[in-house]
Amino acid sequence: MRTAAATATLFASAALIGVLAPQAAAAQPALPLPIPVAAVEPLVTEGVSIEGPLVNNITLPTLK
């Protein structure tokens, strides 16, 4: 009885591998990411700069 269960397990795993192997072989590999060109120009070409405090210290009117 034990050999029958082992044989059934062996055949089931072989069938599963046989079904899944062609799909795995047919899967296209992921395309590699493009290699960036050596830093010819900066990534940010617009005039973006941070000067001064990020939060303006404006006094808001208080409720009385």
Protein backbone atom coordinates (compact mmCIF):
# COMPACT_ATOMS: atom_id res chain seq x y z
CA MET A 1 0.00 0.00 0.00
CA ARG A 2 2.86 2.30 0.78
CA THR A 3 4.53 1.71 -2.57
CA ALA A 4 1.28 2.49 -4.37
CA ALA A 5 1.07 5.87 -2.63
CA ALA A 6 4.72 6.58 -3.40
CA THR A 7 4.20 5.60 -7.04
CA ALA A 8 1.10 7.79 -7.30
CA THR A 9 2.98 10.72 -5.79
CA LEU A 10 5.86 10.18 -8.19
CA PHE A 11 3.56 10.12 -11.23
CA ALA A 12 1.63 13.16 -10.00
CA SER A 13 4.80 15.18 -9.51
CA ALA A 14 6.14 14.07 -12.91
CA ALA A 15 2.87 15.11 -14.56
CA LEU A 16 2.94 18.46 -12.80
CA ILE A 17 6.52 19.10 -13.88
CA GLY A 18 5.66 18.01 -17.42
CA VAL A 19 2.78 20.46 -17.57
CA LEU A 20 4.61 23.43 -16.05
CA ALA A 21 8.01 23.00 -17.72
CA PRO A 22 6.96 24.14 -21.24
CA GLN A 23 5.34 27.28 -19.81
CA ALA A 24 8.47 28.12 -17.84
CA ALA A 25 10.66 27.55 -20.88
CA ALA A 26 8.43 29.75 -23.06
CA ALA A 27 8.43 32.66 -20.61
CA GLN A 28 10.36 35.61 -21.93
CA PRO A 29 13.08 36.91 -19.64
CA ALA A 30 12.64 40.43 -18.33
CA LEU A 31 14.28 43.07 -20.46
CA PRO A 32 17.31 44.66 -18.86
CA LEU A 33 17.08 48.27 -17.77
CA PRO A 34 18.70 50.76 -20.13
CA ILE A 35 22.15 51.87 -19.08
CA PRO A 36 22.19 55.62 -18.51
CA VAL A 37 24.60 57.65 -20.56
CA ALA A 38 27.49 59.13 -18.61
CA ALA A 39 26.36 62.35 -16.92
CA VAL A 40 26.41 64.62 -19.94
CA GLU A 41 23.78 66.97 -18.57
CA PRO A 42 21.98 67.06 -15.23
CA LEU A 43 18.66 65.31 -14.89
CA VAL A 44 16.91 68.52 -13.82
CA THR A 45 17.46 71.10 -16.53
CA GLU A 46 14.88 73.63 -15.33
CA GLY A 47 15.72 76.39 -12.89
CA VAL A 48 14.70 74.55 -9.75
CA SER A 49 16.30 75.73 -6.55
CA ILE A 50 15.37 75.88 -2.90
CA GLU A 51 16.35 79.09 -1.17
CA GLY A 52 15.23 80.25 2.20
CA PRO A 53 12.82 78.54 4.57
CA LEU A 54 10.43 76.01 3.18
CA VAL A 55 7.63 77.29 5.42
CA ASN A 56 6.85 80.98 5.28
CA ASN A 57 6.61 82.55 8.72
CA ILE A 58 3.45 84.53 8.06
CA THR A 59 1.43 85.56 11.07
CA LEU A 60 -2.19 84.70 10.50
CA PRO A 61 -4.95 86.76 12.10
CA THR A 62 -6.09 85.17 15.33
CA LEU A 63 -9.72 84.79 16.30
CA LYS A 64 -10.73 86.88 19.30
